[in-house]
Protein backbone atom coordinates (compact mmCIF):
# COMPACT_ATOMS: atom_id res chain seq x y z
CA MET A 1 136.57 56.30 142.35
CA ILE A 2 139.75 55.17 140.71
CA CYS A 3 141.95 58.04 143.14
CA MET A 4 140.04 56.78 146.25
CA ASN A 5 141.47 53.16 145.63
CA HIS A 6 144.96 54.73 144.90
CA LEU A 7 144.67 56.42 148.08
CA LYS A 8 143.79 53.50 150.18
CA VAL A 9 146.46 51.21 148.76
CA GLY A 10 148.94 53.97 150.13
CA HIS A 11 150.09 55.43 146.42
CA TYR A 12 150.91 59.11 146.10
CA ILE A 13 148.74 61.47 143.85
CA ASN A 14 149.34 64.98 143.30
CA PHE A 15 146.30 67.17 142.74
CA GLY A 16 148.16 70.59 141.90
CA LEU A 17 147.62 69.73 138.27
CA ALA A 18 143.83 69.30 138.37
CA ARG A 19 143.48 72.35 141.62
CA GLY A 20 145.71 74.65 139.19
CA LEU A 21 143.37 73.63 135.96
CA GLY A 22 140.51 74.53 137.88
CA SER A 23 141.81 77.55 139.06
CA ILE A 24 142.18 78.71 135.83
CA ALA A 25 139.08 77.58 134.44
CA TYR A 26 137.46 79.60 136.95
CA ALA A 27 139.37 82.83 136.56
CA THR A 28 139.05 82.95 132.52
CA THR A 29 135.34 82.31 133.54
CA ALA A 30 134.77 85.13 136.07
CA PHE A 31 136.88 87.02 133.93
CA SER A 32 134.44 86.63 130.74
CA ILE A 33 131.33 87.21 133.16
CA GLY A 34 132.99 90.76 134.06
CA LEU A 35 133.88 91.70 129.97
CA PHE A 36 130.07 90.96 129.42
CA LYS A 37 128.59 92.86 132.28
CA MET A 38 130.60 95.92 131.07
CA ALA A 39 129.76 95.65 127.96
CA LEU A 40 126.22 95.67 128.91
CA MET A 41 126.99 98.43 131.11
CA ALA A 42 128.33 100.50 128.38
CA ILE A 43 125.48 99.66 126.04
CA ALA A 44 122.71 100.63 128.63
CA ILE A 45 124.82 103.95 129.58
CA SER A 46 124.88 105.22 126.07
CA VAL A 47 121.24 103.90 124.92
CA PHE A 48 120.54 106.03 128.30
CA GLY A 49 122.54 108.79 127.45
CA VAL A 50 121.19 109.33 123.68
CA GLY A 51 117.39 108.91 125.17
CA LEU A 52 118.38 111.75 127.06
CA TYR A 53 119.84 113.92 124.57
CA VAL A 54 116.71 113.69 121.93
CA ALA A 55 114.59 114.34 125.08
CA MET A 56 116.61 117.85 125.91
CA TRP A 57 116.87 118.64 122.22
CA GLY A 58 113.05 117.97 121.47
CA ASP A 59 112.08 120.21 124.64
CA ARG A 60 113.82 122.94 123.85
CA LYS A 61 113.08 122.95 119.93
CA ILE A 62 109.31 122.45 120.63
CA GLY A 63 107.85 126.11 122.24
CA CYS A 64 110.05 129.20 122.39
CA PHE A 65 110.75 131.85 125.05
CA LYS A 66 109.04 135.28 125.54
CA CYS A 67 110.89 138.37 126.38
CA ARG A 68 109.56 140.61 128.75
CA ASN A 69 111.35 143.87 127.67
CA SER A 70 111.23 143.53 123.89
CA ASN A 71 108.14 140.83 123.55
CA GLU A 72 110.19 139.01 121.13
CA LEU A 73 110.39 135.21 120.79
CA PHE A 74 113.51 133.09 121.09
CA THR A 75 114.91 129.71 120.71
CA PRO A 76 117.86 129.33 122.98
CA THR A 77 120.79 127.50 121.96
CA PHE A 78 121.10 123.69 123.16
CA MET A 79 123.80 124.21 126.15
CA GLN A 80 121.76 127.71 127.01
CA TYR A 81 118.51 125.71 127.28
CA ASN A 82 120.04 122.86 129.30
CA MET A 83 122.98 124.45 131.51
CA ARG A 84 121.11 127.69 132.66
CA MET A 85 119.05 127.47 135.92
CA HIS A 86 115.64 126.31 135.51
CA LEU A 87 111.96 125.17 137.37
CA LEU A 88 109.72 123.19 135.30
CA SER A 89 109.19 125.36 132.10
CA THR A 90 111.12 128.58 133.57
CA ARG A 91 114.27 129.19 132.85
CA TYR A 92 116.69 131.89 133.46
CA LEU A 93 117.89 133.02 130.03
CA LYS A 94 119.40 136.01 128.24
CA CYS A 95 117.75 137.71 125.59
CA PRO A 96 118.97 137.42 122.02
CA HIS A 97 117.86 141.24 121.27
CA CYS A 98 118.00 143.09 124.18
CA LYS A 99 120.37 141.13 126.26
CA THR A 100 118.77 140.98 129.51
CA ARG A 101 119.03 138.23 131.85
CA THR A 102 115.68 136.90 133.67
CA TRP A 103 113.44 134.56 134.14
CA ARG A 104 111.43 133.45 130.99
CA LYS A 105 108.54 131.69 130.45
CA LYS A 106 108.13 128.62 127.66
CA VAL A 107 105.60 129.90 125.04
CA MET A 108 103.98 127.16 123.03
CA THR A 109 103.37 129.00 119.74
CA LYS A 110 103.46 128.12 116.23
CA GLU A 111 105.51 131.43 115.56
CA CYS A 112 108.81 130.14 116.50
């Protein structure tokens, strides 16, 4: 109200400081919120990544694969299991005993 009275009387008022402080306050608030969002995104991605890793590790350790040629049961390494072509419970793996690459079906046994 005081500013409006000064303007009505004809006094000059410099609004530069008020605008500058408002712009700085807005910029710092937006920057802080942006950092908070990025931190939340990083936490969410890391939780998802750890959960995915645990699920893939557990899926690999439960059961094993049976070779059609040598009838041997084997458990592939983590990289072999996750980076090979697959369709549901069947994967294109290399048998460590006979060294052949074919589609292997997962067998759920306690012998592994």
